[in-house]
Amino acid sequence: LGALVEVAVIRRLYGRDHLDQVLATFALILILSEATRWVFGSFPLYL
């Protein structure tokens, strides 16, 4: 997932300022959280 995110998203941020990086990676938090909830559901898992 890290390699995919770097190629698809992060690679476009290297020449941008830190504010753009913060906004883009914050958006990734929301996207990955909702994607995880969609795949595994809202209930906790136990290991």
All heavy atoms as atom14 arrays in JSON, in Angstrom:
{
  "sequence": "LGALVEVAVIRRLYGRDHLDQVLATFALILILSEATRWVFGSFPLYL",
  "atom14_mask": [
    [1, 1, 1, 1, 1, 1, 1, 1, 0, 0, 0, 0, 0, 0],
    [1, 1, 1, 1, 0, 0, 0, 0, 0, 0, 0, 0, 0, 0],
    [1, 1, 1, 1, 1, 0, 0, 0, 0, 0, 0, 0, 0, 0],
    [1, 1, 1, 1, 1, 1, 1, 1, 0, 0, 0, 0, 0, 0],
    [1, 1, 1, 1, 1, 1, 1, 0, 0, 0, 0, 0, 0, 0],
    [1, 1, 1, 1, 1, 1, 1, 1, 1, 0, 0, 0, 0, 0],
    [1, 1, 1, 1, 1, 1, 1, 0, 0, 0, 0, 0, 0, 0],
    [1, 1, 1, 1, 1, 0, 0, 0, 0, 0, 0, 0, 0, 0],
    [1, 1, 1, 1, 1, 1, 1, 0, 0, 0, 0, 0, 0, 0],
    [1, 1, 1, 1, 1, 1, 1, 1, 0, 0, 0, 0, 0, 0],
    [1, 1, 1, 1, 1, 1, 1, 1, 1, 1, 1, 0, 0, 0],
    [1, 1, 1, 1, 1, 1, 1, 1, 1, 1, 1, 0, 0, 0],
    [1, 1, 1, 1, 1, 1, 1, 1, 0, 0, 0, 0, 0, 0],
    [1, 1, 1, 1, 1, 1, 1, 1, 1, 1, 1, 1, 0, 0],
    [1, 1, 1, 1, 0, 0, 0, 0, 0, 0, 0, 0, 0, 0],
    [1, 1, 1, 1, 1, 1, 1, 1, 1, 1, 1, 0, 0, 0],
    [1, 1, 1, 1, 1, 1, 1, 1, 0, 0, 0, 0, 0, 0],
    [1, 1, 1, 1, 1, 1, 1, 1, 1, 1, 0, 0, 0, 0],
    [1, 1, 1, 1, 1, 1, 1, 1, 0, 0, 0, 0, 0, 0],
    [1, 1, 1, 1, 1, 1, 1, 1, 0, 0, 0, 0, 0, 0],
    [1, 1, 1, 1, 1, 1, 1, 1, 1, 0, 0, 0, 0, 0],
    [1, 1, 1, 1, 1, 1, 1, 0, 0, 0, 0, 0, 0, 0],
    [1, 1, 1, 1, 1, 1, 1, 1, 0, 0, 0, 0, 0, 0],
    [1, 1, 1, 1, 1, 0, 0, 0, 0, 0, 0, 0, 0, 0],
    [1, 1, 1, 1, 1, 1, 1, 0, 0, 0, 0, 0, 0, 0],
    [1, 1, 1, 1, 1, 1, 1, 1, 1, 1, 1, 0, 0, 0],
    [1, 1, 1, 1, 1, 0, 0, 0, 0, 0, 0, 0, 0, 0],
    [1, 1, 1, 1, 1, 1, 1, 1, 0, 0, 0, 0, 0, 0],
    [1, 1, 1, 1, 1, 1, 1, 1, 0, 0, 0, 0, 0, 0],
    [1, 1, 1, 1, 1, 1, 1, 1, 0, 0, 0, 0, 0, 0],
    [1, 1, 1, 1, 1, 1, 1, 1, 0, 0, 0, 0, 0, 0],
    [1, 1, 1, 1, 1, 1, 1, 1, 0, 0, 0, 0, 0, 0],
    [1, 1, 1, 1, 1, 1, 0, 0, 0, 0, 0, 0, 0, 0],
    [1, 1, 1, 1, 1, 1, 1, 1, 1, 0, 0, 0, 0, 0],
    [1, 1, 1, 1, 1, 0, 0, 0, 0, 0, 0, 0, 0, 0],
    [1, 1, 1, 1, 1, 1, 1, 0, 0, 0, 0, 0, 0, 0],
    [1, 1, 1, 1, 1, 1, 1, 1, 1, 1, 1, 0, 0, 0],
    [1, 1, 1, 1, 1, 1, 1, 1, 1, 1, 1, 1, 1, 1],
    [1, 1, 1, 1, 1, 1, 1, 0, 0, 0, 0, 0, 0, 0],
    [1, 1, 1, 1, 1, 1, 1, 1, 1, 1, 1, 0, 0, 0],
    [1, 1, 1, 1, 0, 0, 0, 0, 0, 0, 0, 0, 0, 0],
    [1, 1, 1, 1, 1, 1, 0, 0, 0, 0, 0, 0, 0, 0],
    [1, 1, 1, 1, 1, 1, 1, 1, 1, 1, 1, 0, 0, 0],
    [1, 1, 1, 1, 1, 1, 1, 0, 0, 0, 0, 0, 0, 0],
    [1, 1, 1, 1, 1, 1, 1, 1, 0, 0, 0, 0, 0, 0],
    [1, 1, 1, 1, 1, 1, 1, 1, 1, 1, 1, 1, 0, 0],
    [1, 1, 1, 1, 1, 1, 1, 1, 0, 0, 0, 0, 0, 0]
  ],
  "atom14_positions": [
    [[0.83, -1.2, 0.0], [0.0, 0.0, 0.0], [0.87, 1.26, 0.0], [0.57, 2.24, -0.69], [-0.92, -0.01, 1.22], [-1.86, 1.2, 1.35], [-2.8, 1.29, 0.17], [-2.65, 1.13, 2.66], [0.0, 0.0, 0.0], [0.0, 0.0, 0.0], [0.0, 0.0, 0.0], [0.0, 0.0, 0.0], [0.0, 0.0, 0.0], [0.0, 0.0, 0.0]],
    [[1.97, 1.22, 0.75], [2.87, 2.36, 0.78], [3.45, 2.64, -0.6], [3.51, 3.8, -1.04], [0.0, 0.0, 0.0], [0.0, 0.0, 0.0], [0.0, 0.0, 0.0], [0.0, 0.0, 0.0], [0.0, 0.0, 0.0], [0.0, 0.0, 0.0], [0.0, 0.0, 0.0], [0.0, 0.0, 0.0], [0.0, 0.0, 0.0], [0.0, 0.0, 0.0]],
    [[3.89, 1.59, -1.29], [4.43, 1.78, -2.64], [3.38, 2.33, -3.59], [3.65, 3.22, -4.41], [4.99, 0.45, -3.16], [0.0, 0.0, 0.0], [0.0, 0.0, 0.0], [0.0, 0.0, 0.0], [0.0, 0.0, 0.0], [0.0, 0.0, 0.0], [0.0, 0.0, 0.0], [0.0, 0.0, 0.0], [0.0, 0.0, 0.0], [0.0, 0.0, 0.0]],
    [[2.15, 1.8, -3.49], [1.06, 2.28, -4.35], [0.75, 3.75, -4.08], [0.58, 4.55, -5.02], [-0.18, 1.42, -4.12], [-1.44, 1.83, -4.9], [-1.2, 1.7, -6.39], [-2.63, 0.97, -4.47], [0.0, 0.0, 0.0], [0.0, 0.0, 0.0], [0.0, 0.0, 0.0], [0.0, 0.0, 0.0], [0.0, 0.0, 0.0], [0.0, 0.0, 0.0]],
    [[0.67, 4.11, -2.81], [0.37, 5.5, -2.44], [1.49, 6.43, -2.9], [1.23, 7.53, -3.4], [0.16, 5.62, -0.92], [0.19, 7.07, -0.46], [-1.17, 4.97, -0.52], [0.0, 0.0, 0.0], [0.0, 0.0, 0.0], [0.0, 0.0, 0.0], [0.0, 0.0, 0.0], [0.0, 0.0, 0.0], [0.0, 0.0, 0.0], [0.0, 0.0, 0.0]],
    [[2.74, 5.99, -2.77], [3.86, 6.83, -3.19], [3.81, 7.09, -4.69], [4.0, 8.23, -5.13], [5.19, 6.16, -2.81], [6.4, 7.08, -2.87], [6.96, 7.27, -4.26], [6.77, 6.36, -5.1], [7.57, 8.33, -4.52], [0.0, 0.0, 0.0], [0.0, 0.0, 0.0], [0.0, 0.0, 0.0], [0.0, 0.0, 0.0], [0.0, 0.0, 0.0]],
    [[3.54, 6.06, -5.46], [3.51, 6.2, -6.92], [2.3, 7.02, -7.36], [2.41, 7.89, -8.24], [3.51, 4.82, -7.59], [3.26, 4.94, -9.09], [4.83, 4.09, -7.34], [0.0, 0.0, 0.0], [0.0, 0.0, 0.0], [0.0, 0.0, 0.0], [0.0, 0.0, 0.0], [0.0, 0.0, 0.0], [0.0, 0.0, 0.0], [0.0, 0.0, 0.0]],
    [[1.14, 6.76, -6.75], [-0.09, 7.39, -7.22], [-0.3, 8.8, -6.69], [-0.87, 9.65, -7.39], [-1.29, 6.52, -6.83], [0.0, 0.0, 0.0], [0.0, 0.0, 0.0], [0.0, 0.0, 0.0], [0.0, 0.0, 0.0], [0.0, 0.0, 0.0], [0.0, 0.0, 0.0], [0.0, 0.0, 0.0], [0.0, 0.0, 0.0], [0.0, 0.0, 0.0]],
    [[0.18, 9.08, -5.47], [-0.15, 10.36, -4.84], [1.09, 11.14, -4.42], [1.3, 12.29, -4.83], [-1.06, 10.15, -3.6], [-1.38, 11.49, -2.94], [-2.34, 9.43, -3.99], [0.0, 0.0, 0.0], [0.0, 0.0, 0.0], [0.0, 0.0, 0.0], [0.0, 0.0, 0.0], [0.0, 0.0, 0.0], [0.0, 0.0, 0.0], [0.0, 0.0, 0.0]],
    [[1.94, 10.5, -3.6], [3.04, 11.22, -2.96], [4.02, 11.76, -3.99], [4.59, 12.84, -3.81], [3.76, 10.29, -1.96], [2.77, 9.77, -0.9], [4.92, 11.01, -1.3], [2.12, 10.84, -0.08], [0.0, 0.0, 0.0], [0.0, 0.0, 0.0], [0.0, 0.0, 0.0], [0.0, 0.0, 0.0], [0.0, 0.0, 0.0], [0.0, 0.0, 0.0]],
    [[4.23, 11.04, -5.07], [5.21, 11.44, -6.08], [4.89, 12.82, -6.67], [5.79, 13.52, -7.14], [5.25, 10.38, -7.17], [6.32, 10.57, -8.2], [6.45, 9.34, -9.07], [7.05, 8.22, -8.36], [7.31, 7.03, -8.92], [7.02, 6.83, -10.2], [7.84, 6.06, -8.2], [0.0, 0.0, 0.0], [0.0, 0.0, 0.0], [0.0, 0.0, 0.0]],
    [[3.64, 13.21, -6.59], [3.24, 14.51, -7.13], [3.41, 15.65, -6.13], [3.1, 16.8, -6.45], [1.78, 14.44, -7.58], [1.57, 13.53, -8.78], [0.13, 13.12, -8.97], [-0.04, 12.36, -10.2], [0.3, 11.08, -10.37], [0.85, 10.42, -9.37], [0.11, 10.47, -11.52], [0.0, 0.0, 0.0], [0.0, 0.0, 0.0], [0.0, 0.0, 0.0]],
    [[3.87, 15.32, -4.92], [3.95, 16.33, -3.86], [5.37, 16.78, -3.56], [5.55, 17.7, -2.75], [3.33, 15.76, -2.57], [1.86, 15.36, -2.63], [1.45, 14.71, -1.32], [0.98, 16.57, -2.93], [0.0, 0.0, 0.0], [0.0, 0.0, 0.0], [0.0, 0.0, 0.0], [0.0, 0.0, 0.0], [0.0, 0.0, 0.0], [0.0, 0.0, 0.0]],
    [[6.38, 16.15, -4.16], [7.76, 16.47, -3.77], [8.14, 17.91, -4.08], [8.89, 18.53, -3.34], [8.73, 15.51, -4.46], [8.56, 14.08, -4.03], [8.53, 13.05, -4.96], [8.43, 13.76, -2.68], [8.36, 11.73, -4.57], [8.25, 12.45, -2.28], [8.22, 11.44, -3.23], [8.06, 10.14, -2.82], [0.0, 0.0, 0.0], [0.0, 0.0, 0.0]],
    [[7.6, 18.45, -5.17], [7.94, 19.82, -5.52], [7.01, 20.85, -4.92], [7.16, 22.05, -5.18], [0.0, 0.0, 0.0], [0.0, 0.0, 0.0], [0.0, 0.0, 0.0], [0.0, 0.0, 0.0], [0.0, 0.0, 0.0], [0.0, 0.0, 0.0], [0.0, 0.0, 0.0], [0.0, 0.0, 0.0], [0.0, 0.0, 0.0], [0.0, 0.0, 0.0]],
    [[6.05, 20.4, -4.1], [5.07, 21.31, -3.51], [5.51, 21.7, -2.11], [6.37, 21.07, -1.5], [3.7, 20.62, -3.46], [3.26, 19.97, -4.75], [2.87, 20.97, -5.82], [1.58, 21.58, -5.52], [0.42, 21.07, -5.92], [0.4, 19.96, -6.66], [-0.71, 21.67, -5.62], [0.0, 0.0, 0.0], [0.0, 0.0, 0.0], [0.0, 0.0, 0.0]],
    [[4.88, 22.75, -1.57], [5.25, 23.17, -0.22], [4.6, 22.26, 0.81], [3.75, 21.42, 0.49], [4.88, 24.64, 0.01], [3.38, 24.91, -0.14], [2.58, 24.01, 0.14], [3.02, 26.03, -0.55], [0.0, 0.0, 0.0], [0.0, 0.0, 0.0], [0.0, 0.0, 0.0], [0.0, 0.0, 0.0], [0.0, 0.0, 0.0], [0.0, 0.0, 0.0]],
    [[4.98, 22.44, 2.09], [4.55, 21.52, 3.14], [3.04, 21.6, 3.39], [2.44, 20.6, 3.82], [5.3, 21.8, 4.43], [6.75, 21.37, 4.38], [7.14, 20.23, 3.73], [7.87, 21.92, 4.91], [8.46, 20.08, 3.85], [8.92, 21.1, 4.55], [0.0, 0.0, 0.0], [0.0, 0.0, 0.0], [0.0, 0.0, 0.0], [0.0, 0.0, 0.0]],
    [[2.42, 22.74, 3.12], [0.98, 22.84, 3.32], [0.24, 21.9, 2.38], [-0.71, 21.22, 2.79], [0.52, 24.29, 3.11], [-1.0, 24.52, 3.24], [-1.49, 24.11, 4.63], [-1.35, 25.98, 2.96], [0.0, 0.0, 0.0], [0.0, 0.0, 0.0], [0.0, 0.0, 0.0], [0.0, 0.0, 0.0], [0.0, 0.0, 0.0], [0.0, 0.0, 0.0]],
    [[0.67, 21.84, 1.12], [0.05, 20.91, 0.17], [0.25, 19.47, 0.61], [-0.66, 18.63, 0.48], [0.66, 21.11, -1.23], [0.26, 22.43, -1.84], [-0.75, 23.01, -1.41], [0.97, 22.91, -2.75], [0.0, 0.0, 0.0], [0.0, 0.0, 0.0], [0.0, 0.0, 0.0], [0.0, 0.0, 0.0], [0.0, 0.0, 0.0], [0.0, 0.0, 0.0]],
    [[1.43, 19.15, 1.14], [1.7, 17.8, 1.62], [0.8, 17.44, 2.8], [0.26, 16.34, 2.88], [3.17, 17.68, 2.02], [4.14, 17.86, 0.88], [5.58, 17.92, 1.34], [5.87, 17.86, 2.53], [6.5, 18.07, 0.4], [0.0, 0.0, 0.0], [0.0, 0.0, 0.0], [0.0, 0.0, 0.0], [0.0, 0.0, 0.0], [0.0, 0.0, 0.0]],
    [[0.63, 18.4, 3.71], [-0.24, 18.16, 4.87], [-1.68, 17.92, 4.43], [-2.35, 16.98, 4.89], [-0.15, 19.35, 5.85], [-1.28, 19.29, 6.88], [1.2, 19.37, 6.55], [0.0, 0.0, 0.0], [0.0, 0.0, 0.0], [0.0, 0.0, 0.0], [0.0, 0.0, 0.0], [0.0, 0.0, 0.0], [0.0, 0.0, 0.0], [0.0, 0.0, 0.0]],
    [[-2.18, 18.75, 3.52], [-3.56, 18.6, 3.07], [-3.77, 17.28, 2.33], [-4.77, 16.58, 2.53], [-3.92, 19.78, 2.15], [-4.03, 21.15, 2.84], [-4.25, 22.25, 1.81], [-5.14, 21.15, 3.87], [0.0, 0.0, 0.0], [0.0, 0.0, 0.0], [0.0, 0.0, 0.0], [0.0, 0.0, 0.0], [0.0, 0.0, 0.0], [0.0, 0.0, 0.0]],
    [[-2.82, 16.92, 1.45], [-2.96, 15.7, 0.67], [-2.89, 14.46, 1.56], [-3.69, 13.52, 1.4], [-1.88, 15.64, -0.41], [0.0, 0.0, 0.0], [0.0, 0.0, 0.0], [0.0, 0.0, 0.0], [0.0, 0.0, 0.0], [0.0, 0.0, 0.0], [0.0, 0.0, 0.0], [0.0, 0.0, 0.0], [0.0, 0.0, 0.0], [0.0, 0.0, 0.0]],
    [[-1.94, 14.43, 2.49], [-1.81, 13.25, 3.35], [-2.93, 13.18, 4.38], [-3.31, 12.08, 4.81], [-0.43, 13.21, 4.03], [-0.2, 14.45, 4.73], [0.67, 12.99, 3.02], [0.0, 0.0, 0.0], [0.0, 0.0, 0.0], [0.0, 0.0, 0.0], [0.0, 0.0, 0.0], [0.0, 0.0, 0.0], [0.0, 0.0, 0.0], [0.0, 0.0, 0.0]],
    [[-3.48, 14.34, 4.78], [-4.67, 14.3, 5.64], [-5.85, 13.7, 4.89], [-6.64, 12.92, 5.46], [-5.01, 15.71, 6.14], [-6.22, 15.74, 7.04], [-6.14, 15.29, 8.34], [-7.44, 16.21, 6.57], [-7.26, 15.3, 9.17], [-8.56, 16.23, 7.38], [-8.47, 15.78, 8.69], [0.0, 0.0, 0.0], [0.0, 0.0, 0.0], [0.0, 0.0, 0.0]],
    [[-5.97, 14.05, 3.61], [-7.03, 13.44, 2.8], [-6.84, 11.93, 2.71], [-7.82, 11.17, 2.73], [-7.04, 14.07, 1.41], [0.0, 0.0, 0.0], [0.0, 0.0, 0.0], [0.0, 0.0, 0.0], [0.0, 0.0, 0.0], [0.0, 0.0, 0.0], [0.0, 0.0, 0.0], [0.0, 0.0, 0.0], [0.0, 0.0, 0.0], [0.0, 0.0, 0.0]],
    [[-5.58, 11.49, 2.63], [-5.32, 10.05, 2.6], [-5.78, 9.36, 3.87], [-6.26, 8.22, 3.83], [-3.82, 9.8, 2.39], [-3.28, 9.98, 0.97], [-1.76, 9.87, 0.96], [-3.9, 8.96, 0.03], [0.0, 0.0, 0.0], [0.0, 0.0, 0.0], [0.0, 0.0, 0.0], [0.0, 0.0, 0.0], [0.0, 0.0, 0.0], [0.0, 0.0, 0.0]],
    [[-5.65, 10.04, 5.02], [-6.16, 9.46, 6.28], [-7.64, 9.15, 6.14], [-8.1, 8.04, 6.47], [-5.94, 10.43, 7.45], [-4.46, 10.64, 7.74], [-6.64, 9.91, 8.71], [-4.19, 11.65, 8.84], [0.0, 0.0, 0.0], [0.0, 0.0, 0.0], [0.0, 0.0, 0.0], [0.0, 0.0, 0.0], [0.0, 0.0, 0.0], [0.0, 0.0, 0.0]],
    [[-8.41, 10.12, 5.65], [-9.86, 9.94, 5.52], [-10.19, 8.84, 4.51], [-11.07, 8.0, 4.76], [-10.51, 11.25, 5.09], [-10.24, 12.46, 6.0], [-10.93, 13.71, 5.44], [-10.7, 12.19, 7.41], [0.0, 0.0, 0.0], [0.0, 0.0, 0.0], [0.0, 0.0, 0.0], [0.0, 0.0, 0.0], [0.0, 0.0, 0.0], [0.0, 0.0, 0.0]],
    [[-9.47, 8.83, 3.39], [-9.74, 7.82, 2.35], [-9.43, 6.42, 2.86], [-10.22, 5.49, 2.71], [-8.92, 8.14, 1.09], [-9.41, 9.44, 0.45], [-8.99, 6.99, 0.09], [-8.51, 9.96, -0.65], [0.0, 0.0, 0.0], [0.0, 0.0, 0.0], [0.0, 0.0, 0.0], [0.0, 0.0, 0.0], [0.0, 0.0, 0.0], [0.0, 0.0, 0.0]],
    [[-8.25, 6.25, 3.48], [-7.86, 4.92, 3.95], [-8.72, 4.46, 5.12], [-9.02, 3.25, 5.23], [-6.37, 4.94, 4.35], [-5.39, 5.14, 3.19], [-3.96, 5.28, 3.7], [-5.48, 3.98, 2.19], [0.0, 0.0, 0.0], [0.0, 0.0, 0.0], [0.0, 0.0, 0.0], [0.0, 0.0, 0.0], [0.0, 0.0, 0.0], [0.0, 0.0, 0.0]],
    [[-9.16, 5.37, 5.97], [-10.03, 4.99, 7.09], [-11.38, 4.49, 6.57], [-11.88, 3.45, 7.01], [-10.24, 6.17, 8.04], [-9.04, 6.5, 8.7], [0.0, 0.0, 0.0], [0.0, 0.0, 0.0], [0.0, 0.0, 0.0], [0.0, 0.0, 0.0], [0.0, 0.0, 0.0], [0.0, 0.0, 0.0], [0.0, 0.0, 0.0], [0.0, 0.0, 0.0]],
    [[-11.96, 5.23, 5.61], [-13.25, 4.81, 5.07], [-13.13, 3.54, 4.24], [-14.03, 2.69, 4.26], [-13.85, 5.95, 4.23], [-14.29, 7.14, 5.05], [-15.23, 6.76, 6.18], [-16.2, 6.0, 5.92], [-15.0, 7.2, 7.32], [0.0, 0.0, 0.0], [0.0, 0.0, 0.0], [0.0, 0.0, 0.0], [0.0, 0.0, 0.0], [0.0, 0.0, 0.0]],
    [[-12.01, 3.39, 3.51], [-11.8, 2.15, 2.75], [-11.67, 0.95, 3.68], [-12.22, -0.13, 3.41], [-10.55, 2.29, 1.89], [0.0, 0.0, 0.0], [0.0, 0.0, 0.0], [0.0, 0.0, 0.0], [0.0, 0.0, 0.0], [0.0, 0.0, 0.0], [0.0, 0.0, 0.0], [0.0, 0.0, 0.0], [0.0, 0.0, 0.0], [0.0, 0.0, 0.0]],
    [[-10.96, 1.12, 4.8], [-10.82, 0.04, 5.78], [-12.17, -0.3, 6.4], [-12.5, -1.48, 6.59], [-9.83, 0.45, 6.88], [-8.57, 0.78, 6.28], [-9.62, -0.7, 7.87], [0.0, 0.0, 0.0], [0.0, 0.0, 0.0], [0.0, 0.0, 0.0], [0.0, 0.0, 0.0], [0.0, 0.0, 0.0], [0.0, 0.0, 0.0], [0.0, 0.0, 0.0]],
    [[-12.96, 0.73, 6.7], [-14.3, 0.48, 7.27], [-15.18, -0.24, 6.25], [-15.98, -1.12, 6.62], [-14.93, 1.82, 7.69], [-16.3, 1.66, 8.35], [-16.87, 2.99, 8.81], [-16.18, 3.45, 10.01], [-15.39, 4.49, 10.06], [-15.14, 5.19, 8.96], [-14.83, 4.87, 11.19], [0.0, 0.0, 0.0], [0.0, 0.0, 0.0], [0.0, 0.0, 0.0]],
    [[-15.02, 0.09, 4.98], [-15.83, -0.55, 3.95], [-15.45, -2.03, 3.79], [-16.32, -2.88, 3.59], [-15.62, 0.19, 2.62], [-16.34, -0.41, 1.46], [-17.69, -0.45, 1.25], [-15.75, -1.08, 0.34], [-17.98, -1.09, 0.07], [-16.8, -1.49, -0.5], [-14.43, -1.36, -0.03], [-16.58, -2.17, -1.68], [-14.21, -2.04, -1.21], [-15.28, -2.44, -2.03]],
    [[-14.16, -2.33, 3.9], [-13.7, -3.72, 3.72], [-13.98, -4.57, 4.96], [-14.48, -5.7, 4.86], [-12.19, -3.74, 3.4], [-11.66, -5.18, 3.39], [-11.92, -3.08, 2.06], [0.0, 0.0, 0.0], [0.0, 0.0, 0.0], [0.0, 0.0, 0.0], [0.0, 0.0, 0.0], [0.0, 0.0, 0.0], [0.0, 0.0, 0.0], [0.0, 0.0, 0.0]],
    [[-13.69, -4.03, 6.15], [-13.75, -4.84, 7.37], [-14.94, -4.53, 8.27], [-15.18, -5.25, 9.24], [-12.47, -4.64, 8.19], [-11.22, -5.13, 7.51], [-10.36, -4.25, 6.87], [-10.91, -6.49, 7.49], [-9.21, -4.7, 6.24], [-9.78, -6.95, 6.86], [-8.92, -6.06, 6.23], [0.0, 0.0, 0.0], [0.0, 0.0, 0.0], [0.0, 0.0, 0.0]],
    [[-15.68, -3.49, 7.96], [-16.81, -3.13, 8.8], [-16.4, -2.19, 9.93], [-15.22, -1.9, 10.13], [0.0, 0.0, 0.0], [0.0, 0.0, 0.0], [0.0, 0.0, 0.0], [0.0, 0.0, 0.0], [0.0, 0.0, 0.0], [0.0, 0.0, 0.0], [0.0, 0.0, 0.0], [0.0, 0.0, 0.0], [0.0, 0.0, 0.0], [0.0, 0.0, 0.0]],
    [[-17.4, -1.75, 10.68], [-17.16, -0.76, 11.73], [-16.8, -1.38, 13.08], [-16.36, -0.67, 13.99], [-18.4, 0.14, 11.91], [-18.68, 0.83, 10.71], [0.0, 0.0, 0.0], [0.0, 0.0, 0.0], [0.0, 0.0, 0.0], [0.0, 0.0, 0.0], [0.0, 0.0, 0.0], [0.0, 0.0, 0.0], [0.0, 0.0, 0.0], [0.0, 0.0, 0.0]],
    [[-17.0, -2.69, 13.22], [-16.75, -3.33, 14.5], [-15.28, -3.7, 14.64], [-14.64, -4.1, 13.65], [-17.62, -4.57, 14.65], [-19.1, -4.27, 14.72], [-19.9, -4.44, 13.6], [-19.67, -3.79, 15.89], [-21.26, -4.15, 13.65], [-21.03, -3.5, 15.95], [-21.83, -3.68, 14.82], [0.0, 0.0, 0.0], [0.0, 0.0, 0.0], [0.0, 0.0, 0.0]],
    [[-14.74, -3.6, 15.83], [-13.31, -3.94, 16.04], [-13.05, -5.42, 15.77], [-13.93, -6.28, 15.94], [-13.07, -3.58, 17.51], [-14.18, -2.67, 17.89], [-15.35, -3.08, 17.07], [0.0, 0.0, 0.0], [0.0, 0.0, 0.0], [0.0, 0.0, 0.0], [0.0, 0.0, 0.0], [0.0, 0.0, 0.0], [0.0, 0.0, 0.0], [0.0, 0.0, 0.0]],
    [[-11.83, -5.72, 15.35], [-11.35, -7.09, 15.25], [-10.44, -7.38, 16.43], [-9.88, -6.46, 17.04], [-10.59, -7.3, 13.94], [-11.35, -7.03, 12.64], [-10.45, -7.33, 11.43], [-12.63, -7.84, 12.55], [0.0, 0.0, 0.0], [0.0, 0.0, 0.0], [0.0, 0.0, 0.0], [0.0, 0.0, 0.0], [0.0, 0.0, 0.0], [0.0, 0.0, 0.0]],
    [[-10.3, -8.65, 16.75], [-9.46, -9.02, 17.89], [-8.43, -10.05, 17.43], [-8.75, -11.0, 16.7], [-10.32, -9.58, 19.03], [-11.24, -8.53, 19.6], [-12.54, -8.4, 19.13], [-10.79, -7.63, 20.57], [-13.39, -7.42, 19.62], [-11.62, -6.65, 21.07], [-12.92, -6.55, 20.6], [-13.74, -5.57, 21.09], [0.0, 0.0, 0.0], [0.0, 0.0, 0.0]],
    [[-7.22, -9.84, 17.87], [-6.08, -10.65, 17.45], [-5.52, -11.35, 18.67], [-5.15, -10.71, 19.66], [-5.02, -9.75, 16.81], [-3.76, -10.4, 16.25], [-4.11, -11.38, 15.13], [-2.82, -9.32, 15.72], [0.0, 0.0, 0.0], [0.0, 0.0, 0.0], [0.0, 0.0, 0.0], [0.0, 0.0, 0.0], [0.0, 0.0, 0.0], [0.0, 0.0, 0.0]]
  ]
}
